[in-house]
PDB file of N, CA and C in Angstrom:
ATOM      1  N   MET A   1      15.293  -5.050 -23.444  1.00  0.00           N
ATOM      2  CA  MET A   1      15.709  -5.849 -22.298  1.00  0.00           C
ATOM      3  C   MET A   1      15.791  -4.997 -21.042  1.00  0.00           C
ATOM      4  N   ARG A   2      16.332  -3.795 -21.168  1.00  0.00           N
ATOM      5  CA  ARG A   2      16.471  -2.909 -20.023  1.00  0.00           C
ATOM      6  C   ARG A   2      15.090  -2.551 -19.453  1.00  0.00           C
ATOM      7  N   ILE A   3      14.138  -2.310 -20.338  1.00  0.00           N
ATOM      8  CA  ILE A   3      12.788  -1.980 -19.895  1.00  0.00           C
ATOM      9  C   ILE A   3      12.168  -3.161 -19.162  1.00  0.00           C
ATOM     10  N   ALA A   4      12.344  -4.345 -19.686  1.00  0.00           N
ATOM     11  CA  ALA A   4      11.792  -5.539 -19.045  1.00  0.00           C
ATOM     12  C   ALA A   4      12.362  -5.724 -17.641  1.00  0.00           C
ATOM     13  N   LEU A   5      13.659  -5.493 -17.485  1.00  0.00           N
ATOM     14  CA  LEU A   5      14.275  -5.611 -16.169  1.00  0.00           C
ATOM     15  C   LEU A   5      13.757  -4.542 -15.227  1.00  0.00           C
ATOM     16  N   SER A   6      13.555  -3.344 -15.732  1.00  0.00           N
ATOM     17  CA  SER A   6      13.015  -2.258 -14.910  1.00  0.00           C
ATOM     18  C   SER A   6      11.603  -2.587 -14.437  1.00  0.00           C
ATOM     19  N   VAL A   7      10.790  -3.095 -15.340  1.00  0.00           N
ATOM     20  CA  VAL A   7       9.416  -3.473 -14.983  1.00  0.00           C
ATOM     21  C   VAL A   7       9.431  -4.598 -13.956  1.00  0.00           C
ATOM     22  N   LEU A   8      10.282  -5.573 -14.152  1.00  0.00           N
ATOM     23  CA  LEU A   8      10.389  -6.679 -13.209  1.00  0.00           C
ATOM     24  C   LEU A   8      10.810  -6.176 -11.838  1.00  0.00           C
ATOM     25  N   PHE A   9      11.805  -5.302 -11.788  1.00  0.00           N
ATOM     26  CA  PHE A   9      12.264  -4.743 -10.517  1.00  0.00           C
ATOM     27  C   PHE A   9      11.149  -3.967  -9.839  1.00  0.00           C
ATOM     28  N   LEU A  10      10.452  -3.112 -10.575  1.00  0.00           N
ATOM     29  CA  LEU A  10       9.364  -2.320 -10.015  1.00  0.00           C
ATOM     30  C   LEU A  10       8.250  -3.223  -9.493  1.00  0.00           C
ATOM     31  N   SER A  11       7.895  -4.224 -10.242  1.00  0.00           N
ATOM     32  CA  SER A  11       6.849  -5.155  -9.815  1.00  0.00           C
ATOM     33  C   SER A  11       7.233  -5.858  -8.519  1.00  0.00           C
ATOM     34  N   THR A  12       8.467  -6.265  -8.430  1.00  0.00           N
ATOM     35  CA  THR A  12       8.954  -6.945  -7.228  1.00  0.00           C
ATOM     36  C   THR A  12       8.899  -6.016  -6.030  1.00  0.00           C
ATOM     37  N   GLN A  13       9.326  -4.780  -6.219  1.00  0.00           N
ATOM     38  CA  GLN A  13       9.309  -3.815  -5.121  1.00  0.00           C
ATOM     39  C   GLN A  13       7.893  -3.534  -4.646  1.00  0.00           C
ATOM     40  N   LEU A  14       6.959  -3.367  -5.556  1.00  0.00           N
ATOM     41  CA  LEU A  14       5.583  -3.085  -5.179  1.00  0.00           C
ATOM     42  C   LEU A  14       4.937  -4.267  -4.477  1.00  0.00           C
ATOM     43  N   ALA A  15       5.297  -5.445  -4.873  1.00  0.00           N
ATOM     44  CA  ALA A  15       4.710  -6.635  -4.269  1.00  0.00           C
ATOM     45  C   ALA A  15       5.212  -6.862  -2.852  1.00  0.00           C
ATOM     46  N   THR A  16       6.386  -6.351  -2.530  1.00  0.00           N
ATOM     47  CA  THR A  16       6.962  -6.642  -1.221  1.00  0.00           C
ATOM     48  C   THR A  16       6.752  -5.546  -0.193  1.00  0.00           C
ATOM     49  N   THR A  17       6.314  -4.349  -0.625  1.00  0.00           N
ATOM     50  CA  THR A  17       6.079  -3.278   0.345  1.00  0.00           C
ATOM     51  C   THR A  17       4.779  -2.571   0.055  1.00  0.00           C
ATOM     52  N   VAL A  18       4.204  -2.045   1.078  1.00  0.00           N
ATOM     53  CA  VAL A  18       2.975  -1.283   0.918  1.00  0.00           C
ATOM     54  C   VAL A  18       3.285   0.144   0.517  1.00  0.00           C
ATOM     55  N   ALA A  19       4.392   0.663   0.916  1.00  0.00           N
ATOM     56  CA  ALA A  19       4.883   1.980   0.529  1.00  0.00           C
ATOM     57  C   ALA A  19       4.070   3.130   1.109  1.00  0.00           C
ATOM     58  N   LEU A  20       3.116   2.869   1.931  1.00  0.00           N
ATOM     59  CA  LEU A  20       2.399   3.960   2.566  1.00  0.00           C
ATOM     60  C   LEU A  20       2.864   4.127   3.990  1.00  0.00           C
ATOM     61  N   ALA A  21       3.185   3.060   4.629  1.00  0.00           N
ATOM     62  CA  ALA A  21       3.446   3.060   6.058  1.00  0.00           C
ATOM     63  C   ALA A  21       4.919   3.292   6.353  1.00  0.00           C
ATOM     64  N   GLN A  22       5.180   3.850   7.501  1.00  0.00           N
ATOM     65  CA  GLN A  22       6.534   4.211   7.878  1.00  0.00           C
ATOM     66  C   GLN A  22       7.266   3.079   8.588  1.00  0.00           C
ATOM     67  N   THR A  23       6.555   2.190   9.237  1.00  0.00           N
ATOM     68  CA  THR A  23       7.208   1.142  10.012  1.00  0.00           C
ATOM     69  C   THR A  23       6.885  -0.235   9.449  1.00  0.00           C
ATOM     70  N   ALA A  24       7.707  -1.185   9.824  1.00  0.00           N
ATOM     71  CA  ALA A  24       7.472  -2.561   9.383  1.00  0.00           C
ATOM     72  C   ALA A  24       6.134  -3.072   9.910  1.00  0.00           C
ATOM     73  N   ALA A  25       5.786  -2.700  11.123  1.00  0.00           N
ATOM     74  CA  ALA A  25       4.508  -3.140  11.702  1.00  0.00           C
ATOM     75  C   ALA A  25       3.326  -2.575  10.916  1.00  0.00           C
ATOM     76  N   GLU A  26       3.431  -1.312  10.476  1.00  0.00           N
ATOM     77  CA  GLU A  26       2.352  -0.719   9.685  1.00  0.00           C
ATOM     78  C   GLU A  26       2.254  -1.383   8.319  1.00  0.00           C
ATOM     79  N   ARG A  27       3.402  -1.633   7.705  1.00  0.00           N
ATOM     80  CA  ARG A  27       3.388  -2.314   6.401  1.00  0.00           C
ATOM     81  C   ARG A  27       2.759  -3.693   6.531  1.00  0.00           C
ATOM     82  N   GLU A  28       3.137  -4.405   7.566  1.00  0.00           N
ATOM     83  CA  GLU A  28       2.589  -5.747   7.772  1.00  0.00           C
ATOM     84  C   GLU A  28       1.082  -5.702   8.007  1.00  0.00           C
ATOM     85  N   ALA A  29       0.623  -4.706   8.750  1.00  0.00           N
ATOM     86  CA  ALA A  29      -0.810  -4.589   9.057  1.00  0.00           C
ATOM     87  C   ALA A  29      -1.645  -4.370   7.803  1.00  0.00           C
ATOM     88  N   CYS A  30      -1.074  -3.715   6.789  1.00  0.00           N
ATOM     89  CA  CYS A  30      -1.845  -3.381   5.588  1.00  0.00           C
ATOM     90  C   CYS A  30      -1.444  -4.152   4.337  1.00  0.00           C
ATOM     91  N   GLN A  31      -0.464  -5.005   4.420  1.00  0.00           N
ATOM     92  CA  GLN A  31       0.030  -5.699   3.226  1.00  0.00           C
ATOM     93  C   GLN A  31      -1.080  -6.461   2.490  1.00  0.00           C
ATOM     94  N   ALA A  32      -1.834  -7.260   3.201  1.00  0.00           N
ATOM     95  CA  ALA A  32      -2.878  -8.060   2.550  1.00  0.00           C
ATOM     96  C   ALA A  32      -3.966  -7.168   1.961  1.00  0.00           C
ATOM     97  N   ASP A  33      -4.339  -6.117   2.691  1.00  0.00           N
ATOM     98  CA  ASP A  33      -5.367  -5.201   2.184  1.00  0.00           C
ATOM     99  C   ASP A  33      -4.875  -4.449   0.954  1.00  0.00           C
ATOM    100  N   TYR A  34      -3.620  -4.040   0.972  1.00  0.00           N
ATOM    101  CA  TYR A  34      -3.036  -3.381  -0.194  1.00  0.00           C
ATOM    102  C   TYR A  34      -3.092  -4.321  -1.411  1.00  0.00           C
ATOM    103  N   GLN A  35      -2.677  -5.555  -1.220  1.00  0.00           N
ATOM    104  CA  GLN A  35      -2.690  -6.520  -2.319  1.00  0.00           C
ATOM    105  C   GLN A  35      -4.116  -6.766  -2.825  1.00  0.00           C
ATOM    106  N   LYS A  36      -5.070  -6.778  -1.935  1.00  0.00           N
ATOM    107  CA  LYS A  36      -6.454  -7.081  -2.304  1.00  0.00           C
ATOM    108  C   LYS A  36      -7.151  -5.904  -2.995  1.00  0.00           C
ATOM    109  N   PHE A  37      -6.969  -4.694  -2.470  1.00  0.00           N
ATOM    110  CA  PHE A  37      -7.747  -3.556  -2.943  1.00  0.00           C
ATOM    111  C   PHE A  37      -6.970  -2.547  -3.787  1.00  0.00           C
ATOM    112  N   CYS A  38      -5.655  -2.487  -3.632  1.00  0.00           N
ATOM    113  CA  CYS A  38      -4.898  -1.381  -4.233  1.00  0.00           C
ATOM    114  C   CYS A  38      -3.653  -1.838  -4.983  1.00  0.00           C
ATOM    115  N   LYS A  39      -3.613  -3.067  -5.393  1.00  0.00           N
ATOM    116  CA  LYS A  39      -2.409  -3.641  -6.001  1.00  0.00           C
ATOM    117  C   LYS A  39      -1.890  -2.824  -7.182  1.00  0.00           C
ATOM    118  N   GLY A  40      -2.756  -2.269  -7.985  1.00  0.00           N
ATOM    119  CA  GLY A  40      -2.322  -1.521  -9.162  1.00  0.00           C
ATOM    120  C   GLY A  40      -1.989  -0.064  -8.897  1.00  0.00           C
ATOM    121  N   VAL A  41      -2.139   0.381  -7.655  1.00  0.00           N
ATOM    122  CA  VAL A  41      -1.896   1.780  -7.316  1.00  0.00           C
ATOM    123  C   VAL A  41      -0.408   1.990  -7.048  1.00  0.00           C
ATOM    124  N   LEU A  42       0.176   2.927  -7.766  1.00  0.00           N
ATOM    125  CA  LEU A  42       1.590   3.226  -7.584  1.00  0.00           C
ATOM    126  C   LEU A  42       1.782   4.146  -6.387  1.00  0.00           C
ATOM    127  N   PRO A  43       2.830   3.907  -5.608  1.00  0.00           N
ATOM    128  CA  PRO A  43       3.085   4.746  -4.439  1.00  0.00           C
ATOM    129  C   PRO A  43       3.506   6.155  -4.833  1.00  0.00           C
ATOM    130  N   GLY A  44       3.291   7.053  -3.909  1.00  0.00           N
ATOM    131  CA  GLY A  44       3.668   8.448  -4.116  1.00  0.00           C
ATOM    132  C   GLY A  44       2.451   9.338  -4.186  1.00  0.00           C
ATOM    133  N   GLY A  45       2.586  10.507  -3.628  1.00  0.00           N
ATOM    134  CA  GLY A  45       1.499  11.473  -3.693  1.00  0.00           C
ATOM    135  C   GLY A  45       0.275  11.098  -2.880  1.00  0.00           C
ATOM    136  N   GLY A  46       0.404  10.148  -1.976  1.00  0.00           N
ATOM    137  CA  GLY A  46      -0.724   9.755  -1.145  1.00  0.00           C
ATOM    138  C   GLY A  46      -1.728   8.843  -1.829  1.00  0.00           C
ATOM    139  N   HIS A  47      -1.366   8.314  -3.003  1.00  0.00           N
ATOM    140  CA  HIS A  47      -2.312   7.493  -3.762  1.00  0.00           C
ATOM    141  C   HIS A  47      -2.676   6.189  -3.040  1.00  0.00           C
ATOM    142  N   VAL A  48      -1.705   5.549  -2.426  1.00  0.00           N
ATOM    143  CA  VAL A  48      -1.973   4.274  -1.755  1.00  0.00           C
ATOM    144  C   VAL A  48      -2.864   4.494  -0.538  1.00  0.00           C
ATOM    145  N   ILE A  49      -2.538   5.499   0.280  1.00  0.00           N
ATOM    146  CA  ILE A  49      -3.349   5.744   1.467  1.00  0.00           C
ATOM    147  C   ILE A  49      -4.771   6.136   1.070  1.00  0.00           C
ATOM    148  N   LYS A  50      -4.919   6.893  -0.018  1.00  0.00           N
ATOM    149  CA  LYS A  50      -6.261   7.256  -0.481  1.00  0.00           C
ATOM    150  C   LYS A  50      -7.027   6.023  -0.925  1.00  0.00           C
ATOM    151  N   CYS A  51      -6.365   5.151  -1.658  1.00  0.00           N
ATOM    152  CA  CYS A  51      -7.017   3.923  -2.101  1.00  0.00           C
ATOM    153  C   CYS A  51      -7.481   3.101  -0.908  1.00  0.00           C
ATOM    154  N   LEU A  52      -6.597   2.930   0.064  1.00  0.00           N
ATOM    155  CA  LEU A  52      -6.983   2.165   1.250  1.00  0.00           C
ATOM    156  C   LEU A  52      -8.119   2.854   1.994  1.00  0.00           C
ATOM    157  N   ALA A  53      -8.058   4.176   2.106  1.00  0.00           N
ATOM    158  CA  ALA A  53      -9.119   4.921   2.788  1.00  0.00           C
ATOM    159  C   ALA A  53     -10.454   4.752   2.064  1.00  0.00           C
ATOM    160  N   ASP A  54     -10.419   4.651   0.742  1.00  0.00           N
ATOM    161  CA  ASP A  54     -11.645   4.437  -0.037  1.00  0.00           C
ATOM    162  C   ASP A  54     -12.280   3.080   0.254  1.00  0.00           C
ATOM    163  N   HIS A  55     -11.498   2.167   0.811  1.00  0.00           N
ATOM    164  CA  HIS A  55     -11.986   0.821   1.146  1.00  0.00           C
ATOM    165  C   HIS A  55     -12.034   0.611   2.664  1.00  0.00           C
ATOM    166  N   MET A  56     -12.090   1.692   3.409  1.00  0.00           N
ATOM    167  CA  MET A  56     -11.957   1.640   4.866  1.00  0.00           C
ATOM    168  C   MET A  56     -12.841   0.569   5.506  1.00  0.00           C
ATOM    169  N   SER A  57     -14.091   0.488   5.125  1.00  0.00           N
ATOM    170  CA  SER A  57     -14.996  -0.475   5.766  1.00  0.00           C
ATOM    171  C   SER A  57     -14.655  -1.921   5.445  1.00  0.00           C
ATOM    172  N   GLU A  58     -13.837  -2.145   4.431  1.00  0.00           N
ATOM    173  CA  GLU A  58     -13.457  -3.497   4.034  1.00  0.00           C
ATOM    174  C   GLU A  58     -12.095  -3.919   4.578  1.00  0.00           C
ATOM    175  N   LEU A  59     -11.356  -2.981   5.155  1.00  0.00           N
ATOM    176  CA  LEU A  59     -10.006  -3.268   5.652  1.00  0.00           C
ATOM    177  C   LEU A  59     -10.039  -4.019   6.966  1.00  0.00           C
ATOM    178  N   THR A  60      -8.941  -4.699   7.256  1.00  0.00           N
ATOM    179  CA  THR A  60      -8.808  -5.337   8.564  1.00  0.00           C
ATOM    180  C   THR A  60      -8.740  -4.243   9.621  1.00  0.00           C
ATOM    181  N   PRO A  61      -9.141  -4.541  10.845  1.00  0.00           N
ATOM    182  CA  PRO A  61      -9.074  -3.530  11.907  1.00  0.00           C
ATOM    183  C   PRO A  61      -7.670  -2.957  12.105  1.00  0.00           C
ATOM    184  N   GLU A  62      -6.657  -3.787  11.961  1.00  0.00           N
ATOM    185  CA  GLU A  62      -5.283  -3.323  12.128  1.00  0.00           C
ATOM    186  C   GLU A  62      -4.918  -2.305  11.042  1.00  0.00           C
ATOM    187  N   CYS A  63      -5.303  -2.573   9.817  1.00  0.00           N
ATOM    188  CA  CYS A  63      -4.998  -1.661   8.723  1.00  0.00           C
ATOM    189  C   CYS A  63      -5.833  -0.389   8.844  1.00  0.00           C
ATOM    190  N   GLN A  64      -7.050  -0.500   9.314  1.00  0.00           N
ATOM    191  CA  GLN A  64      -7.871   0.694   9.533  1.00  0.00           C
ATOM    192  C   GLN A  64      -7.166   1.662  10.475  1.00  0.00           C
ATOM    193  N   LYS A  65      -6.545   1.145  11.520  1.00  0.00           N
ATOM    194  CA  LYS A  65      -5.812   1.993  12.465  1.00  0.00           C
ATOM    195  C   LYS A  65      -4.657   2.697  11.767  1.00  0.00           C
ATOM    196  N   VAL A  66      -3.936   1.963  10.923  1.00  0.00           N
ATOM    197  CA  VAL A  66      -2.798   2.541  10.204  1.00  0.00           C
ATOM    198  C   VAL A  66      -3.285   3.640   9.256  1.00  0.00           C
ATOM    199  N   VAL A  67      -4.348   3.365   8.525  1.00  0.00           N
ATOM    200  CA  VAL A  67      -4.871   4.355   7.566  1.00  0.00           C
ATOM    201  C   VAL A  67      -5.329   5.605   8.312  1.00  0.00           C
ATOM    202  N   LYS A  68      -6.045   5.440   9.401  1.00  0.00           N
ATOM    203  CA  LYS A  68      -6.505   6.595  10.188  1.00  0.00           C
ATOM    204  C   LYS A  68      -5.317   7.401  10.704  1.00  0.00           C
ATOM    205  N   ALA A  69      -4.269   6.727  11.141  1.00  0.00           N
ATOM    206  CA  ALA A  69      -3.089   7.416  11.666  1.00  0.00           C
ATOM    207  C   ALA A  69      -2.296   8.130  10.577  1.00  0.00           C
ATOM    208  N   ASN A  70      -2.437   7.722   9.330  1.00  0.00           N
ATOM    209  CA  ASN A  70      -1.671   8.306   8.235  1.00  0.00           C
ATOM    210  C   ASN A  70      -2.507   9.177   7.303  1.00  0.00           C
ATOM    211  N   THR A  71      -3.754   9.418   7.690  1.00  0.00           N
ATOM    212  CA  THR A  71      -4.624  10.263   6.891  1.00  0.00           C
ATOM    213  C   THR A  71      -4.709  11.636   7.537  1.00  0.00           C
ATOM    214  N   PRO A  72      -4.392  12.675   6.781  1.00  0.00           N
ATOM    215  CA  PRO A  72      -4.507  14.020   7.353  1.00  0.00           C
ATOM    216  C   PRO A  72      -5.953  14.301   7.742  1.00  0.00           C
ATOM    217  N   GLY A  73      -6.125  14.917   8.837  1.00  0.00           N
ATOM    218  CA  GLY A  73      -7.504  15.148   9.237  1.00  0.00           C
ATOM    219  C   GLY A  73      -7.607  16.152  10.254  1.00  0.00           C
TER     220      GLY A  73
END
C-alpha cells in the first residue's frame, strides 16, 4: 500500500510540473511539449532538458526559447 501511494504521489507531481524550468512561465511554456515528448523522463541530472533539446525542432517556439536558455552552451 505504501508503495502504491508513493507511485501515485510521484505520478501526480510529474504530471503537474515540468521540473526543468525555474519559473512558472517557463514551466507553462514547456508543459505540453514535456507531456508529448518526455512524459516518461524523470527529472534530475538534466534529463528533462536533454529530452526536450532532442526534440527541439518539434517544440513550440515558446518552449524552444526556454530550452535554449536552460541548455549549457
